[in-house]
Amino acid sequence: MQAFILLAKDYPHIHWLVIGDGPEKTVLQNMAREANVSERVHFAGFRKDVPRCLQAMDTFISPSYSEGLGLSLLEAMAAKKPVISTMVGGISDFLVDYLNGLVISTKNPEEIRQNVVILMEDEGLRTKLAEAGYKTVKEEYTLTHMAMKTKELYRKLIRAK
């Protein structure tokens, strides 16, 4: 929210779509109201149609402090959205700065703002990151690929016995 508030000052057309629910929702709503940007922040809540929601976005941002695999990021990449994310948990296994996404440090709203501005101003980079992200998912994270990797691991474990 802090990054969005910074962006909102200079970019009156920008909106923020928040998907999901959690204990911080009320805090975020209050922050938006106090900064006079609440009409540009859209809290969609828990959704079962995330792929459809992703189509409404120009950029996907994940400023997480903690993640497992980073499935939401993979979903955004599969939807051909350029991504900006912290490098936490399993995200470091697939996200490469300026190759298939932009990497930010945790708890740094100004860095998020800077990266959003970079993507708003550089259509070529947006397209490059979106295409490379899509390729990453299609080559490494499809159900077929994951099943093959699991089968390969089982065979390796059986041979080791």
N, C-alpha and C. Protein backbone atom coordinates (compact mmCIF):
# COMPACT_ATOMS: atom_id res chain seq x y z
N MET A 1 0.84 -1.20 0.00
CA MET A 1 0.00 0.00 0.00
C MET A 1 0.87 1.25 0.00
N GLN A 2 1.96 1.21 0.75
CA GLN A 2 2.85 2.38 0.78
C GLN A 2 3.39 2.69 -0.61
N ALA A 3 3.75 1.65 -1.37
CA ALA A 3 4.25 1.86 -2.73
C ALA A 3 3.15 2.44 -3.62
N PHE A 4 1.93 1.92 -3.48
CA PHE A 4 0.83 2.44 -4.29
C PHE A 4 0.57 3.91 -3.97
N ILE A 5 0.61 4.26 -2.72
CA ILE A 5 0.39 5.66 -2.33
C ILE A 5 1.44 6.56 -2.98
N LEU A 6 2.69 6.12 -3.01
CA LEU A 6 3.75 6.88 -3.68
C LEU A 6 3.45 7.02 -5.17
N LEU A 7 3.03 5.94 -5.81
CA LEU A 7 2.72 5.96 -7.24
C LEU A 7 1.51 6.83 -7.55
N ALA A 8 0.52 6.76 -6.69
CA ALA A 8 -0.74 7.47 -6.93
C ALA A 8 -0.55 8.98 -7.02
N LYS A 9 0.44 9.49 -6.33
CA LYS A 9 0.70 10.94 -6.36
C LYS A 9 1.07 11.42 -7.75
N ASP A 10 1.88 10.62 -8.45
CA ASP A 10 2.39 11.03 -9.77
C ASP A 10 1.62 10.44 -10.94
N TYR A 11 0.83 9.40 -10.69
CA TYR A 11 0.13 8.71 -11.77
C TYR A 11 -1.36 8.58 -11.43
N PRO A 12 -2.14 9.60 -11.75
CA PRO A 12 -3.56 9.60 -11.36
C PRO A 12 -4.40 8.51 -12.03
N HIS A 13 -3.89 7.88 -13.08
CA HIS A 13 -4.64 6.82 -13.78
C HIS A 13 -4.43 5.43 -13.17
N ILE A 14 -3.46 5.29 -12.27
CA ILE A 14 -3.10 3.97 -11.77
C ILE A 14 -4.10 3.47 -10.73
N HIS A 15 -4.37 2.16 -10.80
CA HIS A 15 -5.26 1.50 -9.84
C HIS A 15 -4.54 0.27 -9.30
N TRP A 16 -4.99 -0.20 -8.14
CA TRP A 16 -4.40 -1.38 -7.51
C TRP A 16 -5.51 -2.37 -7.23
N LEU A 17 -5.34 -3.59 -7.75
CA LEU A 17 -6.28 -4.68 -7.52
C LEU A 17 -5.64 -5.63 -6.51
N VAL A 18 -6.31 -5.81 -5.38
CA VAL A 18 -5.81 -6.69 -4.32
C VAL A 18 -6.68 -7.94 -4.31
N ILE A 19 -6.06 -9.08 -4.59
CA ILE A 19 -6.78 -10.35 -4.59
C ILE A 19 -6.41 -11.11 -3.33
N GLY A 20 -7.42 -11.63 -2.65
CA GLY A 20 -7.19 -12.39 -1.43
C GLY A 20 -7.70 -11.65 -0.22
N ASP A 21 -7.78 -12.36 0.86
CA ASP A 21 -8.22 -11.80 2.13
C ASP A 21 -7.21 -12.16 3.20
N GLY A 22 -7.22 -11.41 4.24
CA GLY A 22 -6.31 -11.71 5.34
C GLY A 22 -6.46 -10.69 6.44
N PRO A 23 -5.69 -10.88 7.48
CA PRO A 23 -5.81 -10.01 8.65
C PRO A 23 -5.40 -8.56 8.41
N GLU A 24 -4.67 -8.30 7.35
CA GLU A 24 -4.20 -6.94 7.06
C GLU A 24 -5.17 -6.12 6.21
N LYS A 25 -6.26 -6.74 5.78
CA LYS A 25 -7.18 -6.04 4.87
C LYS A 25 -7.70 -4.73 5.46
N THR A 26 -8.14 -4.74 6.70
CA THR A 26 -8.68 -3.53 7.32
C THR A 26 -7.61 -2.45 7.43
N VAL A 27 -6.40 -2.86 7.78
CA VAL A 27 -5.28 -1.90 7.88
C VAL A 27 -5.04 -1.26 6.52
N LEU A 28 -5.03 -2.08 5.46
CA LEU A 28 -4.80 -1.56 4.11
C LEU A 28 -5.93 -0.63 3.67
N GLN A 29 -7.16 -1.00 3.99
CA GLN A 29 -8.29 -0.14 3.65
C GLN A 29 -8.19 1.21 4.36
N ASN A 30 -7.79 1.19 5.61
CA ASN A 30 -7.63 2.44 6.37
C ASN A 30 -6.50 3.29 5.79
N MET A 31 -5.40 2.65 5.42
CA MET A 31 -4.28 3.39 4.82
C MET A 31 -4.73 4.06 3.52
N ALA A 32 -5.47 3.33 2.71
CA ALA A 32 -5.95 3.88 1.44
C ALA A 32 -6.88 5.06 1.68
N ARG A 33 -7.77 4.93 2.65
CA ARG A 33 -8.70 6.01 2.97
C ARG A 33 -7.94 7.25 3.45
N GLU A 34 -6.99 7.05 4.36
CA GLU A 34 -6.22 8.18 4.91
C GLU A 34 -5.39 8.88 3.85
N ALA A 35 -4.93 8.14 2.83
CA ALA A 35 -4.13 8.73 1.76
C ALA A 35 -4.99 9.25 0.60
N ASN A 36 -6.31 9.15 0.77
CA ASN A 36 -7.26 9.60 -0.27
C ASN A 36 -7.08 8.87 -1.61
N VAL A 37 -6.80 7.58 -1.54
CA VAL A 37 -6.68 6.78 -2.76
C VAL A 37 -7.64 5.58 -2.75
N SER A 38 -8.54 5.54 -1.80
CA SER A 38 -9.40 4.36 -1.66
C SER A 38 -10.26 4.08 -2.89
N GLU A 39 -10.59 5.12 -3.66
CA GLU A 39 -11.39 4.89 -4.87
C GLU A 39 -10.56 4.23 -5.98
N ARG A 40 -9.25 4.15 -5.79
CA ARG A 40 -8.37 3.54 -6.79
C ARG A 40 -7.77 2.22 -6.31
N VAL A 41 -8.18 1.77 -5.14
CA VAL A 41 -7.73 0.48 -4.61
C VAL A 41 -8.94 -0.43 -4.57
N HIS A 42 -8.84 -1.57 -5.22
CA HIS A 42 -9.98 -2.49 -5.36
C HIS A 42 -9.67 -3.80 -4.65
N PHE A 43 -10.38 -4.05 -3.58
CA PHE A 43 -10.21 -5.27 -2.79
C PHE A 43 -11.17 -6.33 -3.32
N ALA A 44 -10.64 -7.29 -4.05
CA ALA A 44 -11.47 -8.32 -4.68
C ALA A 44 -11.78 -9.47 -3.73
N GLY A 45 -11.04 -9.57 -2.62
CA GLY A 45 -11.27 -10.66 -1.67
C GLY A 45 -10.80 -11.99 -2.21
N PHE A 46 -11.22 -13.07 -1.55
CA PHE A 46 -10.88 -14.42 -2.00
C PHE A 46 -11.59 -14.69 -3.31
N ARG A 47 -10.86 -15.19 -4.29
CA ARG A 47 -11.44 -15.44 -5.62
C ARG A 47 -11.09 -16.84 -6.09
N LYS A 48 -12.03 -17.45 -6.78
CA LYS A 48 -11.79 -18.75 -7.41
C LYS A 48 -11.43 -18.58 -8.88
N ASP A 49 -11.57 -17.36 -9.38
CA ASP A 49 -11.32 -17.07 -10.79
C ASP A 49 -10.06 -16.22 -10.97
N VAL A 50 -8.99 -16.61 -10.32
CA VAL A 50 -7.75 -15.83 -10.36
C VAL A 50 -7.25 -15.62 -11.79
N PRO A 51 -7.27 -16.64 -12.66
CA PRO A 51 -6.81 -16.37 -14.04
C PRO A 51 -7.58 -15.23 -14.71
N ARG A 52 -8.88 -15.15 -14.44
CA ARG A 52 -9.68 -14.06 -15.00
C ARG A 52 -9.26 -12.73 -14.39
N CYS A 53 -9.02 -12.72 -13.09
CA CYS A 53 -8.59 -11.49 -12.41
C CYS A 53 -7.24 -11.01 -12.95
N LEU A 54 -6.36 -11.95 -13.24
CA LEU A 54 -5.04 -11.59 -13.76
C LEU A 54 -5.14 -10.84 -15.08
N GLN A 55 -6.17 -11.14 -15.86
CA GLN A 55 -6.34 -10.45 -17.14
C GLN A 55 -6.63 -8.96 -16.96
N ALA A 56 -7.08 -8.58 -15.78
CA ALA A 56 -7.37 -7.17 -15.50
C ALA A 56 -6.11 -6.39 -15.12
N MET A 57 -4.99 -7.08 -14.96
CA MET A 57 -3.76 -6.44 -14.49
C MET A 57 -2.79 -6.17 -15.63
N ASP A 58 -2.02 -5.11 -15.47
CA ASP A 58 -0.92 -4.84 -16.39
C ASP A 58 0.37 -5.45 -15.85
N THR A 59 0.51 -5.47 -14.52
CA THR A 59 1.70 -5.97 -13.84
C THR A 59 1.26 -6.68 -12.57
N PHE A 60 1.96 -7.75 -12.23
CA PHE A 60 1.68 -8.49 -11.00
C PHE A 60 2.81 -8.22 -10.02
N ILE A 61 2.46 -7.82 -8.81
CA ILE A 61 3.47 -7.49 -7.80
C ILE A 61 3.26 -8.39 -6.59
N SER A 62 4.34 -9.03 -6.17
CA SER A 62 4.30 -9.88 -4.98
C SER A 62 5.40 -9.43 -4.01
N PRO A 63 5.04 -8.54 -3.07
CA PRO A 63 6.05 -8.05 -2.11
C PRO A 63 6.10 -8.91 -0.84
N SER A 64 5.95 -10.21 -1.00
CA SER A 64 5.86 -11.13 0.15
C SER A 64 7.13 -11.13 0.99
N TYR A 65 6.91 -11.37 2.28
CA TYR A 65 8.02 -11.55 3.21
C TYR A 65 8.37 -13.03 3.31
N SER A 66 7.43 -13.89 2.94
CA SER A 66 7.60 -15.33 3.08
C SER A 66 6.73 -16.03 2.04
N GLU A 67 7.25 -17.05 1.40
CA GLU A 67 6.52 -17.83 0.40
C GLU A 67 6.98 -19.27 0.44
N GLY A 68 6.14 -20.14 -0.06
CA GLY A 68 6.55 -21.52 -0.30
C GLY A 68 7.12 -21.58 -1.70
N LEU A 69 6.33 -22.07 -2.64
CA LEU A 69 6.74 -22.15 -4.04
C LEU A 69 6.59 -20.81 -4.75
N GLY A 70 5.58 -20.05 -4.42
CA GLY A 70 5.30 -18.82 -5.15
C GLY A 70 4.32 -19.07 -6.28
N LEU A 71 3.31 -19.89 -6.00
CA LEU A 71 2.34 -20.28 -7.01
C LEU A 71 1.63 -19.09 -7.65
N SER A 72 1.30 -18.08 -6.87
CA SER A 72 0.61 -16.92 -7.45
C SER A 72 1.48 -16.24 -8.51
N LEU A 73 2.77 -16.22 -8.28
CA LEU A 73 3.69 -15.64 -9.25
C LEU A 73 3.73 -16.48 -10.53
N LEU A 74 3.77 -17.80 -10.38
CA LEU A 74 3.75 -18.69 -11.55
C LEU A 74 2.45 -18.52 -12.33
N GLU A 75 1.33 -18.34 -11.62
CA GLU A 75 0.05 -18.11 -12.30
C GLU A 75 0.08 -16.82 -13.10
N ALA A 76 0.67 -15.79 -12.53
CA ALA A 76 0.77 -14.51 -13.24
C ALA A 76 1.68 -14.64 -14.47
N MET A 77 2.77 -15.36 -14.32
CA MET A 77 3.67 -15.58 -15.45
C MET A 77 2.98 -16.40 -16.54
N ALA A 78 2.19 -17.40 -16.15
CA ALA A 78 1.44 -18.20 -17.12
C ALA A 78 0.42 -17.35 -17.86
N ALA A 79 -0.06 -16.29 -17.21
CA ALA A 79 -1.02 -15.37 -17.83
C ALA A 79 -0.31 -14.28 -18.65
N LYS A 80 1.00 -14.42 -18.82
CA LYS A 80 1.81 -13.47 -19.59
C LYS A 80 1.80 -12.07 -19.00
N LYS A 81 1.87 -11.99 -17.69
CA LYS A 81 1.97 -10.71 -17.00
C LYS A 81 3.39 -10.51 -16.52
N PRO A 82 3.96 -9.32 -16.73
CA PRO A 82 5.28 -9.07 -16.15
C PRO A 82 5.14 -9.05 -14.63
N VAL A 83 6.14 -9.59 -13.95
CA VAL A 83 6.06 -9.71 -12.49
C VAL A 83 7.19 -8.95 -11.81
N ILE A 84 6.84 -8.44 -10.62
CA ILE A 84 7.79 -7.80 -9.71
C ILE A 84 7.63 -8.54 -8.40
N SER A 85 8.73 -9.04 -7.85
CA SER A 85 8.59 -9.85 -6.64
C SER A 85 9.83 -9.80 -5.76
N THR A 86 9.58 -10.07 -4.49
CA THR A 86 10.69 -10.31 -3.58
C THR A 86 11.23 -11.71 -3.87
N MET A 87 12.44 -11.97 -3.45
CA MET A 87 13.10 -13.25 -3.72
C MET A 87 13.07 -14.09 -2.44
N VAL A 88 11.87 -14.53 -2.07
CA VAL A 88 11.71 -15.30 -0.84
C VAL A 88 11.23 -16.71 -1.16
N GLY A 89 11.54 -17.64 -0.28
CA GLY A 89 11.10 -19.02 -0.45
C GLY A 89 11.54 -19.60 -1.77
N GLY A 90 10.63 -20.33 -2.41
CA GLY A 90 10.94 -21.00 -3.67
C GLY A 90 11.00 -20.11 -4.88
N ILE A 91 10.70 -18.84 -4.73
CA ILE A 91 10.71 -17.91 -5.86
C ILE A 91 12.10 -17.83 -6.48
N SER A 92 13.12 -17.95 -5.66
CA SER A 92 14.50 -17.88 -6.17
C SER A 92 14.83 -19.06 -7.09
N ASP A 93 14.00 -20.09 -7.10
CA ASP A 93 14.22 -21.23 -7.99
C ASP A 93 13.86 -20.92 -9.44
N PHE A 94 13.02 -19.91 -9.66
CA PHE A 94 12.59 -19.66 -11.03
C PHE A 94 12.64 -18.20 -11.48
N LEU A 95 12.73 -17.25 -10.57
CA LEU A 95 12.72 -15.84 -10.97
C LEU A 95 14.14 -15.30 -11.09
N VAL A 96 14.41 -14.70 -12.24
CA VAL A 96 15.73 -14.13 -12.49
C VAL A 96 15.54 -12.66 -12.87
N ASP A 97 16.17 -11.78 -12.10
CA ASP A 97 16.03 -10.34 -12.29
C ASP A 97 16.37 -9.92 -13.71
N TYR A 98 15.46 -9.19 -14.32
CA TYR A 98 15.58 -8.66 -15.67
C TYR A 98 15.63 -9.73 -16.75
N LEU A 99 15.41 -10.99 -16.39
CA LEU A 99 15.29 -12.05 -17.40
C LEU A 99 13.82 -12.43 -17.56
N ASN A 100 13.16 -12.80 -16.44
CA ASN A 100 11.75 -13.17 -16.52
C ASN A 100 10.90 -12.45 -15.47
N GLY A 101 11.46 -11.43 -14.86
CA GLY A 101 10.76 -10.62 -13.86
C GLY A 101 11.70 -9.59 -13.27
N LEU A 102 11.17 -8.79 -12.37
CA LEU A 102 12.00 -7.82 -11.66
C LEU A 102 12.00 -8.20 -10.18
N VAL A 103 13.16 -8.16 -9.59
CA VAL A 103 13.33 -8.55 -8.19
C VAL A 103 13.43 -7.30 -7.32
N ILE A 104 12.72 -7.34 -6.19
CA ILE A 104 12.75 -6.24 -5.22
C ILE A 104 13.13 -6.79 -3.86
N SER A 105 13.64 -5.93 -3.01
CA SER A 105 13.91 -6.34 -1.64
C SER A 105 12.64 -6.21 -0.81
N THR A 106 12.60 -6.88 0.32
CA THR A 106 11.41 -6.80 1.17
C THR A 106 11.35 -5.46 1.88
N LYS A 107 10.14 -5.05 2.17
CA LYS A 107 9.87 -3.85 2.96
C LYS A 107 10.50 -2.59 2.37
N ASN A 108 10.39 -2.42 1.05
CA ASN A 108 10.98 -1.27 0.41
C ASN A 108 9.99 -0.67 -0.61
N PRO A 109 9.03 0.12 -0.14
CA PRO A 109 8.02 0.69 -1.03
C PRO A 109 8.60 1.53 -2.17
N GLU A 110 9.66 2.26 -1.90
CA GLU A 110 10.26 3.08 -2.95
C GLU A 110 10.83 2.22 -4.08
N GLU A 111 11.40 1.09 -3.75
CA GLU A 111 11.92 0.19 -4.79
C GLU A 111 10.79 -0.40 -5.62
N ILE A 112 9.68 -0.72 -4.98
CA ILE A 112 8.51 -1.20 -5.73
C ILE A 112 8.05 -0.11 -6.68
N ARG A 113 7.91 1.12 -6.17
CA ARG A 113 7.50 2.25 -7.00
C ARG A 113 8.41 2.41 -8.21
N GLN A 114 9.71 2.37 -7.98
CA GLN A 114 10.68 2.54 -9.06
C GLN A 114 10.51 1.46 -10.14
N ASN A 115 10.30 0.23 -9.72
CA ASN A 115 10.16 -0.86 -10.68
C ASN A 115 8.84 -0.79 -11.45
N VAL A 116 7.79 -0.36 -10.80
CA VAL A 116 6.52 -0.18 -11.51
C VAL A 116 6.68 0.92 -12.56
N VAL A 117 7.35 2.01 -12.21
CA VAL A 117 7.58 3.10 -13.17
C VAL A 117 8.42 2.59 -14.34
N ILE A 118 9.45 1.81 -14.07
CA ILE A 118 10.27 1.24 -15.14
C ILE A 118 9.39 0.47 -16.13
N LEU A 119 8.50 -0.37 -15.60
CA LEU A 119 7.65 -1.16 -16.49
C LEU A 119 6.60 -0.31 -17.20
N MET A 120 6.10 0.71 -16.55
CA MET A 120 5.12 1.59 -17.21
C MET A 120 5.76 2.32 -18.38
N GLU A 121 7.03 2.67 -18.24
CA GLU A 121 7.70 3.49 -19.25
C GLU A 121 8.42 2.67 -20.33
N ASP A 122 8.59 1.37 -20.13
CA ASP A 122 9.35 0.56 -21.07
C ASP A 122 8.52 -0.62 -21.58
N GLU A 123 7.77 -0.39 -22.65
CA GLU A 123 6.90 -1.44 -23.20
C GLU A 123 7.71 -2.65 -23.66
N GLY A 124 8.89 -2.42 -24.22
CA GLY A 124 9.74 -3.52 -24.67
C GLY A 124 10.13 -4.44 -23.53
N LEU A 125 10.50 -3.85 -22.40
CA LEU A 125 10.87 -4.65 -21.23
C LEU A 125 9.66 -5.40 -20.68
N ARG A 126 8.50 -4.73 -20.64
CA ARG A 126 7.27 -5.41 -20.18
C ARG A 126 7.01 -6.65 -21.02
N THR A 127 7.09 -6.50 -22.33
CA THR A 127 6.83 -7.62 -23.25
C THR A 127 7.87 -8.71 -23.07
N LYS A 128 9.14 -8.33 -22.98
CA LYS A 128 10.22 -9.30 -22.82
C LYS A 128 10.04 -10.12 -21.54
N LEU A 129 9.75 -9.46 -20.43
CA LEU A 129 9.59 -10.15 -19.15
C LEU A 129 8.35 -11.05 -19.17
N ALA A 130 7.27 -10.56 -19.77
CA ALA A 130 6.05 -11.36 -19.84
C ALA A 130 6.26 -12.62 -20.66
N GLU A 131 6.91 -12.49 -21.80
CA GLU A 131 7.18 -13.65 -22.66
C GLU A 131 8.14 -14.63 -21.99
N ALA A 132 9.18 -14.12 -21.37
CA ALA A 132 10.16 -14.99 -20.71
C ALA A 132 9.53 -15.69 -19.50
N GLY A 133 8.67 -14.99 -18.77
CA GLY A 133 7.97 -15.61 -17.65
C GLY A 133 7.07 -16.73 -18.10
N TYR A 134 6.34 -16.49 -19.18
CA TYR A 134 5.46 -17.51 -19.75
C TYR A 134 6.28 -18.73 -20.18
N LYS A 135 7.40 -18.49 -20.81
CA LYS A 135 8.27 -19.59 -21.26
C LYS A 135 8.79 -20.39 -20.06
N THR A 136 9.16 -19.71 -18.99
CA THR A 136 9.62 -20.39 -17.77
C THR A 136 8.57 -21.35 -17.26
N VAL A 137 7.34 -20.88 -17.18
CA VAL A 137 6.24 -21.73 -16.67
C VAL A 137 5.99 -22.89 -17.61
N LYS A 138 5.91 -22.63 -18.89
CA LYS A 138 5.60 -23.69 -19.86
C LYS A 138 6.71 -24.73 -19.95
N GLU A 139 7.95 -24.35 -19.73
CA GLU A 139 9.06 -25.30 -19.83
C GLU A 139 9.35 -26.04 -18.53
N GLU A 140 9.04 -25.42 -17.40
CA GLU A 140 9.46 -26.01 -16.13
C GLU A 140 8.33 -26.33 -15.14
N TYR A 141 7.15 -25.75 -15.31
CA TYR A 141 6.13 -25.86 -14.26
C TYR A 141 4.76 -26.33 -14.73
N THR A 142 4.70 -27.02 -15.88
CA THR A 142 3.43 -27.61 -16.28
C THR A 142 3.21 -28.88 -15.47
N LEU A 143 1.99 -29.34 -15.43
CA LEU A 143 1.66 -30.57 -14.72
C LEU A 143 2.44 -31.75 -15.28
N THR A 144 2.55 -31.84 -16.60
CA THR A 144 3.30 -32.92 -17.24
C THR A 144 4.76 -32.88 -16.83
N HIS A 145 5.35 -31.70 -16.86
CA HIS A 145 6.76 -31.57 -16.50
C HIS A 145 6.99 -31.94 -15.03
N MET A 146 6.11 -31.46 -14.17
CA MET A 146 6.25 -31.77 -12.74
C MET A 146 6.09 -33.27 -12.49
N ALA A 147 5.16 -33.92 -13.21
CA ALA A 147 4.97 -35.37 -13.06
C ALA A 147 6.21 -36.12 -13.52
N MET A 148 6.79 -35.68 -14.62
CA MET A 148 8.01 -36.33 -15.13
C MET A 148 9.16 -36.16 -14.13
N LYS A 149 9.30 -34.99 -13.55
CA LYS A 149 10.36 -34.76 -12.56
C LYS A 149 10.15 -35.62 -11.31
N THR A 150 8.90 -35.78 -10.89
CA THR A 150 8.60 -36.62 -9.73
C THR A 150 8.93 -38.07 -10.04
N LYS A 151 8.53 -38.54 -11.21
CA LYS A 151 8.82 -39.91 -11.64
C LYS A 151 10.33 -40.14 -11.70
N GLU A 152 11.04 -39.18 -12.23
CA GLU A 152 12.50 -39.23 -12.32
C GLU A 152 13.13 -39.34 -10.93
N LEU A 153 12.61 -38.58 -9.97
CA LEU A 153 13.11 -38.63 -8.60
C LEU A 153 12.86 -40.00 -7.98
N TYR A 154 11.66 -40.55 -8.18
CA TYR A 154 11.36 -41.88 -7.65
C TYR A 154 12.30 -42.93 -8.22
N ARG A 155 12.54 -42.88 -9.52
CA ARG A 155 13.46 -43.84 -10.15
C ARG A 155 14.87 -43.71 -9.56
N LYS A 156 15.30 -42.49 -9.36
CA LYS A 156 16.62 -42.25 -8.79
C LYS A 156 16.71 -42.81 -7.36
N LEU A 157 15.66 -42.63 -6.58
CA LEU A 157 15.64 -43.14 -5.21
C LEU A 157 15.62 -44.66 -5.18
N ILE A 158 14.88 -45.27 -6.11
CA ILE A 158 14.83 -46.75 -6.18
C ILE A 158 16.20 -47.30 -6.57
N ARG A 159 16.86 -46.68 -7.54
CA ARG A 159 18.20 -47.14 -7.96
C ARG A 159 19.20 -46.99 -6.83
N ALA A 160 19.05 -45.96 -6.01
CA ALA A 160 19.99 -45.72 -4.90
C ALA A 160 19.86 -46.79 -3.83
N LYS A 161 18.69 -47.42 -3.71
CA LYS A 161 18.48 -48.48 -2.73
C LYS A 161 19.20 -49.70 -3.18
